[in-house]
Every structure is written in structure tokens, then in C-alpha cells.
Amino acid sequence: MQNDKQTKKDSPIFSDFSYDDAFRTMETECDDIVIPFINYFYNENYDNRAQITRLRNEHFIEHEDQSDEKRITDSHFKITQNGISKIYHIECESSSFDNSILVRLFEYDSQIALDESEAEGTVLRVKFPYTGLLLLRKSNKVPGRAEVIIQTPKGEISYDVTIMKMSDFTIDHLFENRLYLMIPFYIFNYERQLKKINMDEDKTEALAEEFRCIIDRLDEELDNGKLSALSHNAIIRLTHKVVYKLSMKHDKVQEKVGGIMGGKVLDLPEFRVFREGKEEGLKEGEEMRRQMAEDIKVGEEVRKQMAEEIEALQKELKKLKKDKS
């Protein structure tokens, strides 16, 4: 049994950090699924003109013994639209919720606030991010928000932590609200049932069929232009990795559901990602060429103006010399 477990861990699909890696990968690489995720949970109205800027995610936390510990946030980014920028910090948590998570969030938020601080004279202004927590495991007793209260000499101030729970979402809800970023973690909604599902062939097949439908729906979203090829591929690959790790103790589920996801991974049209990237690159290249042409035109006008001014100065100088003689 131990050897079998080790063999599974030797698979290139396996990672001790599959869940964190899945979230970070999508947050870092897939703008088109980050935007609707933020819109839903923070009641924003960003569209495809919104610009995402990834910010520093490594921070050093100082302990009482004055030692430093490097912490890496799951996500830390800025979204800008219509001249307004907001900073977001979201953590993806596979452990059960407890108060230590809030402490860790505040440590991260404090460092982020210092990164974004502005000092002018005797005033230091710090800006805390919009903070969120995605809980992967079932947590019925955890509310939809937590609060961080900071006591200052002038009184209390506070900010909310938005809490998102996978167990609150059906697969229909995820697709209807374009919450594609959460799809790789959908298997967590079956975590407590996996042992029973694994022992029942019909239930195993039913779960496998649900994931076949998920793939079909992702394909439709791609064809309808709601998903980029990059995000479509990323979601399927990362779902495969998350399912593989969560079902390590359930061979039949891992074989059946993992086989479906893995088969789709092998069949993914990589050339679509390449073509999409090529088209985007051509657009950017055309914009750069247009900007360069504009710059050259402006430069030529400036050069012409300077030449005229120099010529006028030369004529004035000749006139002065002539008047002196």
C-alpha cells in the first residue's frame, strides 16, 4: 500500500502544492477568468478593458524573536479601469477555517499596505487591499465574511474579508456566473463522499459523467468566445491535477475521473493557444508600429520646426552683423 502511494506521488501529475499551484496559475496567467471572479465576489463591473497588474507576492513576516519568515501570497494584484485602481489579495485555503487564517491574512495585508504606502512630510498613508478567502473544503459554520478590527489611539477602524466557500456552489452556478476559476476545485464538493463513490461502480460512473459534461461545457464556452484557449486549457489541466491529488486514496475514482480529464488533456488543441497568442502578438505589433509611426511623425514635425527656428535665428544674426557694419 505504501509503495502504491509512493508510485502515485512519483507521477508528473502529482504535486504536494496542487491546490495552491492551480489557483496561482489561473490568477497569474488567465486574465479573462480573474475578472468575472472579482466582479462576482466584490460586486464590481470590470469589463475587457480592465487592466490587471500583478504585484509582489513575497513578503517577510517578523516574529517576536526578531527572525524573519518569507511568506508567499496566493494572489496580489491591481485592477485598473477608467483611471481607478483597486488592489486585491485573495488566499486559497484547503485547510479547515480557524482564527489563525485571519491572523495570517492580516500579516499579508499589513505588508501589502506598507508596499503601497505613501509618505508626505509627517504623514504616512497606508492602503489595505480588498481581501478574500476561498475555502475549498466544506465549511457550513463559516459565514460569508469575516472582519479585521484595528484599534488605534483615535478609535477603531475595520475592514471585511470576503469568504467564498466551494460548498456553496453547484456546477451550474459556476458556469452561469462565469466563475471558471473555481472549476478545478469542484471535486472538493464530493470529498466526503469519495469513499462511498469509490465502492459503488454506478456512483463512480455518475461522477465521471458529471466531469464529462463539465468538459463539454468548457468546450462550448471556448467556442462561444467566453473563454480564451489559454484559460480553457489551463482549467482542464489544473482540474486533472486537483482531482488526481484529492482522489489519491480512491483508486477507482482516480482512474475513472482522472482518466477522463487526462484523456482530454492529451487531446487539447495546443495550436489554438498558439494561434490566439499569435493574433494577439500581431495586434500588439501593429499597435507598436502605429505608435512608432506617430512618434516619427511628431519627431519630424519637431525637427522641421527647429530647422525653421534655426534658419530664422541665422537670418537675424546676419541682419545684426550687417547693421553693425
C-alpha atoms as a PDB file:
ATOM      1  CA  MET A   1       0.000   0.000   0.000  1.00  0.00           C
ATOM      2  CA  GLN A   2       2.859   2.348   0.879  1.00  0.00           C
ATOM      3  CA  ASN A   3       4.633   1.524  -2.380  1.00  0.00           C
ATOM      4  CA  ASP A   4       1.435   2.177  -4.323  1.00  0.00           C
ATOM      5  CA  LYS A   5       1.098   5.589  -2.644  1.00  0.00           C
ATOM      6  CA  GLN A   6       4.713   6.413  -3.441  1.00  0.00           C
ATOM      7  CA  THR A   7       4.219   5.350  -7.049  1.00  0.00           C
ATOM      8  CA  LYS A   8       1.288   7.765  -7.324  1.00  0.00           C
ATOM      9  CA  LYS A   9       3.410  10.539  -5.865  1.00  0.00           C
ATOM     10  CA  ASP A  10       6.080   9.843  -8.472  1.00  0.00           C
ATOM     11  CA  SER A  11       3.611  10.703 -11.224  1.00  0.00           C
ATOM     12  CA  PRO A  12       4.314  14.029 -13.019  1.00  0.00           C
ATOM     13  CA  ILE A  13       0.673  14.918 -12.344  1.00  0.00           C
ATOM     14  CA  PHE A  14       1.199  14.891  -8.580  1.00  0.00           C
ATOM     15  CA  SER A  15       2.300  17.884  -6.547  1.00  0.00           C
ATOM     16  CA  ASP A  16       2.152  18.499  -2.809  1.00  0.00           C
ATOM     17  CA  PHE A  17       1.006  22.000  -3.717  1.00  0.00           C
ATOM     18  CA  SER A  18      -1.518  21.117  -6.419  1.00  0.00           C
ATOM     19  CA  TYR A  19      -4.287  23.269  -4.946  1.00  0.00           C
ATOM     20  CA  ASP A  20      -2.158  26.373  -4.363  1.00  0.00           C
ATOM     21  CA  ASP A  21      -0.447  25.914  -7.731  1.00  0.00           C
ATOM     22  CA  ALA A  22      -3.791  25.653  -9.517  1.00  0.00           C
ATOM     23  CA  PHE A  23      -5.067  28.890  -8.000  1.00  0.00           C
ATOM     24  CA  ARG A  24      -1.818  30.805  -8.551  1.00  0.00           C
ATOM     25  CA  THR A  25      -1.519  29.608 -12.142  1.00  0.00           C
ATOM     26  CA  MET A  26      -5.003  30.783 -13.085  1.00  0.00           C
ATOM     27  CA  GLU A  27      -4.647  34.063 -11.190  1.00  0.00           C
ATOM     28  CA  THR A  28      -1.281  34.765 -12.807  1.00  0.00           C
ATOM     29  CA  GLU A  29      -1.936  33.659 -16.390  1.00  0.00           C
ATOM     30  CA  CYS A  30      -5.663  33.928 -17.103  1.00  0.00           C
ATOM     31  CA  ASP A  31      -6.983  37.497 -17.003  1.00  0.00           C
ATOM     32  CA  ASP A  32     -10.277  36.555 -18.668  1.00  0.00           C
ATOM     33  CA  ILE A  33     -11.305  34.315 -15.749  1.00  0.00           C
ATOM     34  CA  VAL A  34      -9.934  36.539 -12.973  1.00  0.00           C
ATOM     35  CA  ILE A  35     -12.145  39.490 -13.985  1.00  0.00           C
ATOM     36  CA  PRO A  36     -15.561  37.721 -13.645  1.00  0.00           C
ATOM     37  CA  PHE A  37     -14.354  36.114 -10.398  1.00  0.00           C
ATOM     38  CA  ILE A  38     -13.617  39.550  -8.912  1.00  0.00           C
ATOM     39  CA  ASN A  39     -16.812  41.031 -10.361  1.00  0.00           C
ATOM     40  CA  TYR A  40     -18.930  38.398  -8.639  1.00  0.00           C
ATOM     41  CA  PHE A  41     -17.383  38.477  -5.191  1.00  0.00           C
ATOM     42  CA  TYR A  42     -16.773  42.201  -4.898  1.00  0.00           C
ATOM     43  CA  ASN A  43     -19.792  43.438  -6.873  1.00  0.00           C
ATOM     44  CA  GLU A  44     -17.555  45.116  -9.447  1.00  0.00           C
ATOM     45  CA  ASN A  45     -18.314  45.859 -13.089  1.00  0.00           C
ATOM     46  CA  TYR A  46     -14.954  45.379 -14.789  1.00  0.00           C
ATOM     47  CA  ASP A  47     -15.034  44.541 -18.488  1.00  0.00           C
ATOM     48  CA  ASN A  48     -12.408  43.531 -21.055  1.00  0.00           C
ATOM     49  CA  ARG A  49     -10.851  46.994 -20.873  1.00  0.00           C
ATOM     50  CA  ALA A  50      -9.756  46.401 -17.281  1.00  0.00           C
ATOM     51  CA  GLN A  51      -6.003  46.084 -16.822  1.00  0.00           C
ATOM     52  CA  ILE A  52      -4.564  43.615 -14.305  1.00  0.00           C
ATOM     53  CA  THR A  53      -1.143  44.332 -12.824  1.00  0.00           C
ATOM     54  CA  ARG A  54       0.475  41.553 -10.805  1.00  0.00           C
ATOM     55  CA  LEU A  55       2.202  42.823  -7.679  1.00  0.00           C
ATOM     56  CA  ARG A  56       4.918  41.433  -5.410  1.00  0.00           C
ATOM     57  CA  ASN A  57       3.768  38.253  -3.668  1.00  0.00           C
ATOM     58  CA  GLU A  58       6.789  37.581  -1.465  1.00  0.00           C
ATOM     59  CA  HIS A  59       6.722  39.195   1.964  1.00  0.00           C
ATOM     60  CA  PHE A  60       8.818  38.831   5.097  1.00  0.00           C
ATOM     61  CA  ILE A  61       6.998  38.489   8.418  1.00  0.00           C
ATOM     62  CA  GLU A  62       8.973  39.477  11.522  1.00  0.00           C
ATOM     63  CA  HIS A  63       8.447  37.293  14.618  1.00  0.00           C
ATOM     64  CA  GLU A  64       8.873  38.175  18.296  1.00  0.00           C
ATOM     65  CA  ASP A  65      12.382  36.682  18.328  1.00  0.00           C
ATOM     66  CA  GLN A  66      13.211  39.160  15.520  1.00  0.00           C
ATOM     67  CA  SER A  67      13.585  36.369  12.971  1.00  0.00           C
ATOM     68  CA  ASP A  68      12.109  36.857   9.503  1.00  0.00           C
ATOM     69  CA  GLU A  69       9.924  34.341   7.676  1.00  0.00           C
ATOM     70  CA  LYS A  70       9.270  34.560   3.958  1.00  0.00           C
ATOM     71  CA  ARG A  71       5.606  34.145   3.050  1.00  0.00           C
ATOM     72  CA  ILE A  72       4.169  33.917  -0.457  1.00  0.00           C
ATOM     73  CA  THR A  73       0.650  35.150  -1.058  1.00  0.00           C
ATOM     74  CA  ASP A  74      -1.630  33.159  -3.367  1.00  0.00           C
ATOM     75  CA  SER A  75      -2.620  36.314  -5.212  1.00  0.00           C
ATOM     76  CA  HIS A  76      -1.820  40.018  -5.055  1.00  0.00           C
ATOM     77  CA  PHE A  77      -2.805  42.185  -7.986  1.00  0.00           C
ATOM     78  CA  LYS A  78      -4.198  45.545  -9.026  1.00  0.00           C
ATOM     79  CA  ILE A  79      -7.088  46.120 -11.415  1.00  0.00           C
ATOM     80  CA  THR A  80      -7.366  49.465 -13.183  1.00  0.00           C
ATOM     81  CA  GLN A  81     -10.265  50.750 -15.250  1.00  0.00           C
ATOM     82  CA  ASN A  82     -11.420  54.285 -16.069  1.00  0.00           C
ATOM     83  CA  GLY A  83      -8.486  55.692 -14.143  1.00  0.00           C
ATOM     84  CA  ILE A  84      -9.487  53.956 -10.898  1.00  0.00           C
ATOM     85  CA  SER A  85      -7.230  51.278  -9.366  1.00  0.00           C
ATOM     86  CA  LYS A  86      -8.036  48.764  -6.626  1.00  0.00           C
ATOM     87  CA  ILE A  87      -5.709  46.228  -5.024  1.00  0.00           C
ATOM     88  CA  TYR A  88      -6.869  42.685  -4.263  1.00  0.00           C
ATOM     89  CA  HIS A  89      -5.421  39.949  -2.076  1.00  0.00           C
ATOM     90  CA  ILE A  90      -7.060  36.510  -2.137  1.00  0.00           C
ATOM     91  CA  GLU A  91      -5.908  33.305  -0.466  1.00  0.00           C
ATOM     92  CA  CYS A  92      -6.952  29.783  -1.480  1.00  0.00           C
ATOM     93  CA  GLU A  93      -7.208  27.562   1.612  1.00  0.00           C
ATOM     94  CA  SER A  94      -7.556  23.769   1.679  1.00  0.00           C
ATOM     95  CA  SER A  95      -7.356  23.533   5.490  1.00  0.00           C
ATOM     96  CA  SER A  96     -10.362  23.935   7.760  1.00  0.00           C
ATOM     97  CA  PHE A  97     -11.079  27.506   8.751  1.00  0.00           C
ATOM     98  CA  ASP A  98      -9.800  28.772  12.084  1.00  0.00           C
ATOM     99  CA  ASN A  99      -8.743  32.117  13.535  1.00  0.00           C
ATOM    100  CA  SER A 100      -5.097  31.540  12.627  1.00  0.00           C
ATOM    101  CA  ILE A 101      -6.073  32.066   8.980  1.00  0.00           C
ATOM    102  CA  LEU A 102      -7.323  35.570   9.823  1.00  0.00           C
ATOM    103  CA  VAL A 103      -4.042  36.317  11.592  1.00  0.00           C
ATOM    104  CA  ARG A 104      -2.115  35.208   8.514  1.00  0.00           C
ATOM    105  CA  LEU A 105      -4.338  37.268   6.223  1.00  0.00           C
ATOM    106  CA  PHE A 106      -3.751  40.353   8.357  1.00  0.00           C
ATOM    107  CA  GLU A 107       0.013  39.775   8.286  1.00  0.00           C
ATOM    108  CA  TYR A 108      -0.095  39.661   4.493  1.00  0.00           C
ATOM    109  CA  ASP A 109      -2.428  42.653   4.281  1.00  0.00           C
ATOM    110  CA  SER A 110      -0.164  44.722   6.529  1.00  0.00           C
ATOM    111  CA  GLN A 111       2.838  44.030   4.329  1.00  0.00           C
ATOM    112  CA  ILE A 112       0.827  44.821   1.204  1.00  0.00           C
ATOM    113  CA  ALA A 113      -0.351  48.079   2.817  1.00  0.00           C
ATOM    114  CA  LEU A 114       3.269  49.021   3.530  1.00  0.00           C
ATOM    115  CA  ASP A 115       4.230  48.216  -0.064  1.00  0.00           C
ATOM    116  CA  GLU A 116       1.548  50.639  -1.247  1.00  0.00           C
ATOM    117  CA  SER A 117       2.192  53.284   1.423  1.00  0.00           C
ATOM    118  CA  GLU A 118       2.778  56.936   0.630  1.00  0.00           C
ATOM    119  CA  ALA A 119       4.752  59.266   2.911  1.00  0.00           C
ATOM    120  CA  GLU A 120       4.456  63.029   2.714  1.00  0.00           C
ATOM    121  CA  GLY A 121       6.014  65.177   5.392  1.00  0.00           C
ATOM    122  CA  THR A 122       4.841  63.856   8.756  1.00  0.00           C
ATOM    123  CA  VAL A 123       2.012  61.782   7.260  1.00  0.00           C
ATOM    124  CA  LEU A 124       2.208  58.099   6.305  1.00  0.00           C
ATOM    125  CA  ARG A 125      -0.781  56.815   4.360  1.00  0.00           C
ATOM    126  CA  VAL A 126      -1.247  53.049   4.061  1.00  0.00           C
ATOM    127  CA  LYS A 127      -3.745  51.360   1.763  1.00  0.00           C
ATOM    128  CA  PHE A 128      -5.107  47.932   2.713  1.00  0.00           C
ATOM    129  CA  PRO A 129      -6.254  45.642  -0.110  1.00  0.00           C
ATOM    130  CA  TYR A 130      -9.661  44.151  -0.793  1.00  0.00           C
ATOM    131  CA  THR A 131      -9.122  40.799   0.917  1.00  0.00           C
ATOM    132  CA  GLY A 132     -10.764  37.465   0.214  1.00  0.00           C
ATOM    133  CA  LEU A 133     -10.533  33.825   1.214  1.00  0.00           C
ATOM    134  CA  LEU A 134     -11.550  30.848  -0.933  1.00  0.00           C
ATOM    135  CA  LEU A 135     -12.281  27.819   1.280  1.00  0.00           C
ATOM    136  CA  LEU A 136     -12.060  24.581  -0.670  1.00  0.00           C
ATOM    137  CA  ARG A 137     -13.384  22.207   1.987  1.00  0.00           C
ATOM    138  CA  LYS A 138     -16.966  22.129   3.257  1.00  0.00           C
ATOM    139  CA  SER A 139     -17.454  24.735   5.989  1.00  0.00           C
ATOM    140  CA  ASN A 140     -21.127  25.147   6.843  1.00  0.00           C
ATOM    141  CA  LYS A 141     -20.492  27.103  10.049  1.00  0.00           C
ATOM    142  CA  VAL A 142     -18.250  29.711   8.431  1.00  0.00           C
ATOM    143  CA  PRO A 143     -20.124  32.897   7.413  1.00  0.00           C
ATOM    144  CA  GLY A 144     -19.646  34.736   4.133  1.00  0.00           C
ATOM    145  CA  ARG A 145     -17.467  37.410   5.660  1.00  0.00           C
ATOM    146  CA  ALA A 146     -15.012  37.983   8.477  1.00  0.00           C
ATOM    147  CA  GLU A 147     -13.862  41.268   9.963  1.00  0.00           C
ATOM    148  CA  VAL A 148     -10.479  42.617  10.963  1.00  0.00           C
ATOM    149  CA  ILE A 149     -10.733  45.322  13.626  1.00  0.00           C
ATOM    150  CA  ILE A 150      -7.746  47.562  14.266  1.00  0.00           C
ATOM    151  CA  GLN A 151      -7.674  49.598  17.474  1.00  0.00           C
ATOM    152  CA  THR A 152      -5.847  52.897  17.195  1.00  0.00           C
ATOM    153  CA  PRO A 153      -5.340  55.760  19.692  1.00  0.00           C
ATOM    154  CA  LYS A 154      -8.050  57.636  17.781  1.00  0.00           C
ATOM    155  CA  GLY A 155     -10.520  54.758  17.797  1.00  0.00           C
ATOM    156  CA  GLU A 156     -11.350  51.555  15.933  1.00  0.00           C
ATOM    157  CA  ILE A 157     -11.228  51.007  12.205  1.00  0.00           C
ATOM    158  CA  SER A 158     -12.080  47.775  10.414  1.00  0.00           C
ATOM    159  CA  TYR A 159     -12.225  46.066   7.042  1.00  0.00           C
ATOM    160  CA  ASP A 160     -14.031  42.993   5.761  1.00  0.00           C
ATOM    161  CA  VAL A 161     -12.619  39.727   4.484  1.00  0.00           C
ATOM    162  CA  THR A 162     -14.894  38.211   1.846  1.00  0.00           C
ATOM    163  CA  ILE A 163     -15.157  34.437   2.355  1.00  0.00           C
ATOM    164  CA  MET A 164     -16.014  32.189  -0.581  1.00  0.00           C
ATOM    165  CA  LYS A 165     -16.896  28.539   0.038  1.00  0.00           C
ATOM    166  CA  MET A 166     -16.774  25.944  -2.721  1.00  0.00           C
ATOM    167  CA  SER A 167     -19.558  24.022  -0.989  1.00  0.00           C
ATOM    168  CA  ASP A 168     -21.959  26.909  -1.695  1.00  0.00           C
ATOM    169  CA  PHE A 169     -21.676  26.496  -5.465  1.00  0.00           C
ATOM    170  CA  THR A 170     -23.176  23.989  -7.877  1.00  0.00           C
ATOM    171  CA  ILE A 171     -21.526  23.479 -11.240  1.00  0.00           C
ATOM    172  CA  ASP A 172     -24.461  25.297 -12.885  1.00  0.00           C
ATOM    173  CA  HIS A 173     -23.893  28.277 -10.597  1.00  0.00           C
ATOM    174  CA  LEU A 174     -20.216  28.371 -11.569  1.00  0.00           C
ATOM    175  CA  PHE A 175     -20.947  28.397 -15.299  1.00  0.00           C
ATOM    176  CA  GLU A 176     -23.877  30.821 -15.067  1.00  0.00           C
ATOM    177  CA  ASN A 177     -21.708  33.371 -13.262  1.00  0.00           C
ATOM    178  CA  ARG A 178     -18.551  32.646 -15.280  1.00  0.00           C
ATOM    179  CA  LEU A 179     -16.716  31.523 -12.144  1.00  0.00           C
ATOM    180  CA  TYR A 180     -14.400  29.361 -14.244  1.00  0.00           C
ATOM    181  CA  LEU A 181     -11.538  29.944 -11.828  1.00  0.00           C
ATOM    182  CA  MET A 182     -13.321  27.756  -9.259  1.00  0.00           C
ATOM    183  CA  ILE A 183     -13.997  24.788 -11.562  1.00  0.00           C
ATOM    184  CA  PRO A 184     -10.715  22.924 -10.860  1.00  0.00           C
ATOM    185  CA  PHE A 185     -11.775  22.745  -7.189  1.00  0.00           C
ATOM    186  CA  TYR A 186     -15.300  21.477  -7.833  1.00  0.00           C
ATOM    187  CA  ILE A 187     -14.237  17.925  -6.877  1.00  0.00           C
ATOM    188  CA  PHE A 188     -13.956  19.161  -3.259  1.00  0.00           C
ATOM    189  CA  ASN A 189     -17.754  19.210  -3.118  1.00  0.00           C
ATOM    190  CA  TYR A 190     -17.602  15.404  -3.299  1.00  0.00           C
ATOM    191  CA  GLU A 191     -14.682  14.925  -0.911  1.00  0.00           C
ATOM    192  CA  ARG A 192     -16.727  13.486   1.967  1.00  0.00           C
ATOM    193  CA  GLN A 193     -18.482  11.102  -0.422  1.00  0.00           C
ATOM    194  CA  LEU A 194     -15.453   9.831  -2.324  1.00  0.00           C
ATOM    195  CA  LYS A 195     -15.044   6.702  -0.211  1.00  0.00           C
ATOM    196  CA  LYS A 196     -18.657   5.603  -0.891  1.00  0.00           C
ATOM    197  CA  ILE A 197     -18.463   6.627  -4.535  1.00  0.00           C
ATOM    198  CA  ASN A 198     -15.274   4.620  -4.941  1.00  0.00           C
ATOM    199  CA  MET A 199     -17.021   1.485  -3.626  1.00  0.00           C
ATOM    200  CA  ASP A 200     -20.009   1.808  -5.979  1.00  0.00           C
ATOM    201  CA  GLU A 201     -19.445   1.401  -9.712  1.00  0.00           C
ATOM    202  CA  ASP A 202     -22.633   3.257 -10.641  1.00  0.00           C
ATOM    203  CA  LYS A 203     -21.749   6.227  -8.446  1.00  0.00           C
ATOM    204  CA  THR A 204     -18.239   6.269  -9.847  1.00  0.00           C
ATOM    205  CA  GLU A 205     -19.622   6.334 -13.368  1.00  0.00           C
ATOM    206  CA  ALA A 206     -22.106   9.084 -12.426  1.00  0.00           C
ATOM    207  CA  LEU A 207     -19.278  11.241 -11.107  1.00  0.00           C
ATOM    208  CA  ALA A 208     -17.249  10.566 -14.234  1.00  0.00           C
ATOM    209  CA  GLU A 209     -20.234  11.560 -16.385  1.00  0.00           C
ATOM    210  CA  GLU A 210     -20.512  14.852 -14.493  1.00  0.00           C
ATOM    211  CA  PHE A 211     -16.919  15.658 -15.360  1.00  0.00           C
ATOM    212  CA  ARG A 212     -17.521  14.705 -19.000  1.00  0.00           C
ATOM    213  CA  CYS A 213     -20.325  17.277 -19.005  1.00  0.00           C
ATOM    214  CA  ILE A 214     -18.006  19.857 -17.447  1.00  0.00           C
ATOM    215  CA  ILE A 215     -15.528  19.323 -20.278  1.00  0.00           C
ATOM    216  CA  ASP A 216     -18.305  19.655 -22.869  1.00  0.00           C
ATOM    217  CA  ARG A 217     -19.475  22.906 -21.287  1.00  0.00           C
ATOM    218  CA  LEU A 218     -15.933  24.278 -21.212  1.00  0.00           C
ATOM    219  CA  ASP A 219     -15.632  23.438 -24.910  1.00  0.00           C
ATOM    220  CA  GLU A 220     -18.871  25.357 -25.582  1.00  0.00           C
ATOM    221  CA  GLU A 221     -17.610  28.383 -23.634  1.00  0.00           C
ATOM    222  CA  LEU A 222     -14.441  28.300 -25.731  1.00  0.00           C
ATOM    223  CA  ASP A 223     -16.398  28.059 -28.991  1.00  0.00           C
ATOM    224  CA  ASN A 224     -18.717  30.904 -27.894  1.00  0.00           C
ATOM    225  CA  GLY A 225     -15.783  33.166 -27.150  1.00  0.00           C
ATOM    226  CA  LYS A 226     -16.453  33.318 -23.398  1.00  0.00           C
ATOM    227  CA  LEU A 227     -13.157  31.571 -22.630  1.00  0.00           C
ATOM    228  CA  SER A 228      -9.742  32.070 -24.167  1.00  0.00           C
ATOM    229  CA  ALA A 229      -7.938  28.981 -25.438  1.00  0.00           C
ATOM    230  CA  LEU A 230      -5.258  29.538 -22.796  1.00  0.00           C
ATOM    231  CA  SER A 231      -7.779  29.596 -19.929  1.00  0.00           C
ATOM    232  CA  HIS A 232      -9.747  26.657 -21.366  1.00  0.00           C
ATOM    233  CA  ASN A 233      -6.612  24.522 -21.453  1.00  0.00           C
ATOM    234  CA  ALA A 234      -5.434  25.705 -18.047  1.00  0.00           C
ATOM    235  CA  ILE A 235      -8.751  24.868 -16.356  1.00  0.00           C
ATOM    236  CA  ILE A 236      -8.785  21.317 -17.739  1.00  0.00           C
ATOM    237  CA  ARG A 237      -5.130  20.622 -16.928  1.00  0.00           C
ATOM    238  CA  LEU A 238      -5.434  22.012 -13.410  1.00  0.00           C
ATOM    239  CA  THR A 239      -8.712  20.168 -12.763  1.00  0.00           C
ATOM    240  CA  HIS A 240      -6.864  16.991 -13.714  1.00  0.00           C
ATOM    241  CA  LYS A 241      -4.096  17.719 -11.189  1.00  0.00           C
ATOM    242  CA  VAL A 242      -6.508  18.643  -8.378  1.00  0.00           C
ATOM    243  CA  VAL A 243      -8.676  15.546  -8.961  1.00  0.00           C
ATOM    244  CA  TYR A 244      -5.569  13.352  -9.023  1.00  0.00           C
ATOM    245  CA  LYS A 245      -4.341  14.586  -5.648  1.00  0.00           C
ATOM    246  CA  LEU A 246      -7.701  14.624  -3.869  1.00  0.00           C
ATOM    247  CA  SER A 247      -8.509  11.070  -5.002  1.00  0.00           C
ATOM    248  CA  MET A 248      -5.149   9.546  -4.032  1.00  0.00           C
ATOM    249  CA  LYS A 249      -6.856   7.065  -1.665  1.00  0.00           C
ATOM    250  CA  HIS A 250      -9.669   6.213  -4.068  1.00  0.00           C
ATOM    251  CA  ASP A 251      -8.292   4.200  -6.972  1.00  0.00           C
ATOM    252  CA  LYS A 252     -11.480   3.769  -9.000  1.00  0.00           C
ATOM    253  CA  VAL A 253     -12.412   7.445  -8.808  1.00  0.00           C
ATOM    254  CA  GLN A 254      -8.873   8.431  -9.689  1.00  0.00           C
ATOM    255  CA  GLU A 255      -8.777   6.027 -12.612  1.00  0.00           C
ATOM    256  CA  LYS A 256     -12.230   6.880 -13.983  1.00  0.00           C
ATOM    257  CA  VAL A 257     -12.477  10.636 -13.449  1.00  0.00           C
ATOM    258  CA  GLY A 258      -8.745  11.192 -13.768  1.00  0.00           C
ATOM    259  CA  GLY A 259      -8.754   9.161 -16.969  1.00  0.00           C
ATOM    260  CA  ILE A 260     -11.411  11.406 -18.490  1.00  0.00           C
ATOM    261  CA  MET A 261      -9.575  14.593 -17.573  1.00  0.00           C
ATOM    262  CA  GLY A 262      -6.208  13.147 -18.598  1.00  0.00           C
ATOM    263  CA  GLY A 263      -7.574  11.977 -21.924  1.00  0.00           C
ATOM    264  CA  LYS A 264      -8.885  15.451 -22.632  1.00  0.00           C
ATOM    265  CA  VAL A 265      -5.533  16.958 -21.676  1.00  0.00           C
ATOM    266  CA  LEU A 266      -3.819  14.774 -24.283  1.00  0.00           C
ATOM    267  CA  ASP A 267      -6.376  15.872 -26.870  1.00  0.00           C
ATOM    268  CA  LEU A 268      -6.210  19.618 -26.201  1.00  0.00           C
ATOM    269  CA  PRO A 269      -5.656  21.684 -29.358  1.00  0.00           C
ATOM    270  CA  GLU A 270      -2.396  23.402 -28.449  1.00  0.00           C
ATOM    271  CA  PHE A 271      -2.294  25.106 -31.846  1.00  0.00           C
ATOM    272  CA  ARG A 272      -5.361  27.135 -30.838  1.00  0.00           C
ATOM    273  CA  VAL A 273      -3.416  28.652 -27.971  1.00  0.00           C
ATOM    274  CA  PHE A 274      -0.535  29.358 -30.333  1.00  0.00           C
ATOM    275  CA  ARG A 275      -2.839  30.923 -32.935  1.00  0.00           C
ATOM    276  CA  GLU A 276      -4.586  33.030 -30.314  1.00  0.00           C
ATOM    277  CA  GLY A 277      -1.245  34.196 -28.948  1.00  0.00           C
ATOM    278  CA  LYS A 278      -0.003  34.909 -32.467  1.00  0.00           C
ATOM    279  CA  GLU A 279      -3.070  37.007 -33.252  1.00  0.00           C
ATOM    280  CA  GLU A 280      -2.674  38.935 -30.007  1.00  0.00           C
ATOM    281  CA  GLY A 281       1.003  39.429 -30.785  1.00  0.00           C
ATOM    282  CA  LEU A 282       0.153  40.746 -34.243  1.00  0.00           C
ATOM    283  CA  LYS A 283      -2.315  43.209 -32.730  1.00  0.00           C
ATOM    284  CA  GLU A 284       0.284  44.406 -30.254  1.00  0.00           C
ATOM    285  CA  GLY A 285       2.882  44.613 -33.014  1.00  0.00           C
ATOM    286  CA  GLU A 286       0.543  46.646 -35.199  1.00  0.00           C
ATOM    287  CA  GLU A 287      -0.161  48.997 -32.297  1.00  0.00           C
ATOM    288  CA  MET A 288       3.578  49.395 -31.695  1.00  0.00           C
ATOM    289  CA  ARG A 289       4.145  50.129 -35.389  1.00  0.00           C
ATOM    290  CA  ARG A 290       1.339  52.671 -35.364  1.00  0.00           C
ATOM    291  CA  GLN A 291       2.772  54.324 -32.243  1.00  0.00           C
ATOM    292  CA  MET A 292       6.273  54.371 -33.750  1.00  0.00           C
ATOM    293  CA  ALA A 293       4.935  55.932 -36.947  1.00  0.00           C
ATOM    294  CA  GLU A 294       3.143  58.553 -34.873  1.00  0.00           C
ATOM    295  CA  ASP A 295       6.317  59.224 -32.883  1.00  0.00           C
ATOM    296  CA  ILE A 296       8.325  59.564 -36.113  1.00  0.00           C
ATOM    297  CA  LYS A 297       5.728  61.958 -37.496  1.00  0.00           C
ATOM    298  CA  VAL A 298       5.822  64.065 -34.341  1.00  0.00           C
ATOM    299  CA  GLY A 299       9.626  63.938 -34.356  1.00  0.00           C
ATOM    300  CA  GLU A 300       9.709  65.088 -37.971  1.00  0.00           C
ATOM    301  CA  GLU A 301       7.415  67.995 -37.177  1.00  0.00           C
ATOM    302  CA  VAL A 302       9.595  68.978 -34.217  1.00  0.00           C
ATOM    303  CA  ARG A 303      12.721  68.692 -36.391  1.00  0.00           C
ATOM    304  CA  LYS A 304      11.122  70.844 -39.075  1.00  0.00           C
ATOM    305  CA  GLN A 305      10.070  73.440 -36.523  1.00  0.00           C
ATOM    306  CA  MET A 306      13.561  73.518 -35.017  1.00  0.00           C
ATOM    307  CA  ALA A 307      15.121  73.892 -38.501  1.00  0.00           C
ATOM    308  CA  GLU A 308      12.827  76.836 -39.213  1.00  0.00           C
ATOM    309  CA  GLU A 309      13.724  78.436 -35.880  1.00  0.00           C
ATOM    310  CA  ILE A 310      17.445  77.948 -36.528  1.00  0.00           C
ATOM    311  CA  GLU A 311      17.086  79.437 -40.013  1.00  0.00           C
ATOM    312  CA  ALA A 312      15.239  82.440 -38.560  1.00  0.00           C
ATOM    313  CA  LEU A 313      17.953  82.902 -35.933  1.00  0.00           C
ATOM    314  CA  GLN A 314      20.652  82.720 -38.585  1.00  0.00           C
ATOM    315  CA  LYS A 315      18.878  85.392 -40.655  1.00  0.00           C
ATOM    316  CA  GLU A 316      18.528  87.572 -37.554  1.00  0.00           C
ATOM    317  CA  LEU A 317      22.232  87.127 -36.767  1.00  0.00           C
ATOM    318  CA  LYS A 318      23.225  88.112 -40.324  1.00  0.00           C
ATOM    319  CA  LYS A 319      20.995  91.170 -40.104  1.00  0.00           C
ATOM    320  CA  LEU A 320      22.591  92.206 -36.801  1.00  0.00           C
ATOM    321  CA  LYS A 321      26.077  91.799 -38.255  1.00  0.00           C
ATOM    322  CA  LYS A 322      25.094  93.835 -41.308  1.00  0.00           C
ATOM    323  CA  ASP A 323      23.615  96.603 -39.148  1.00  0.00           C
ATOM    324  CA  LYS A 324      26.852  96.798 -37.083  1.00  0.00           C
ATOM    325  CA  SER A 325      28.998  97.131 -40.199  1.00  0.00           C
END
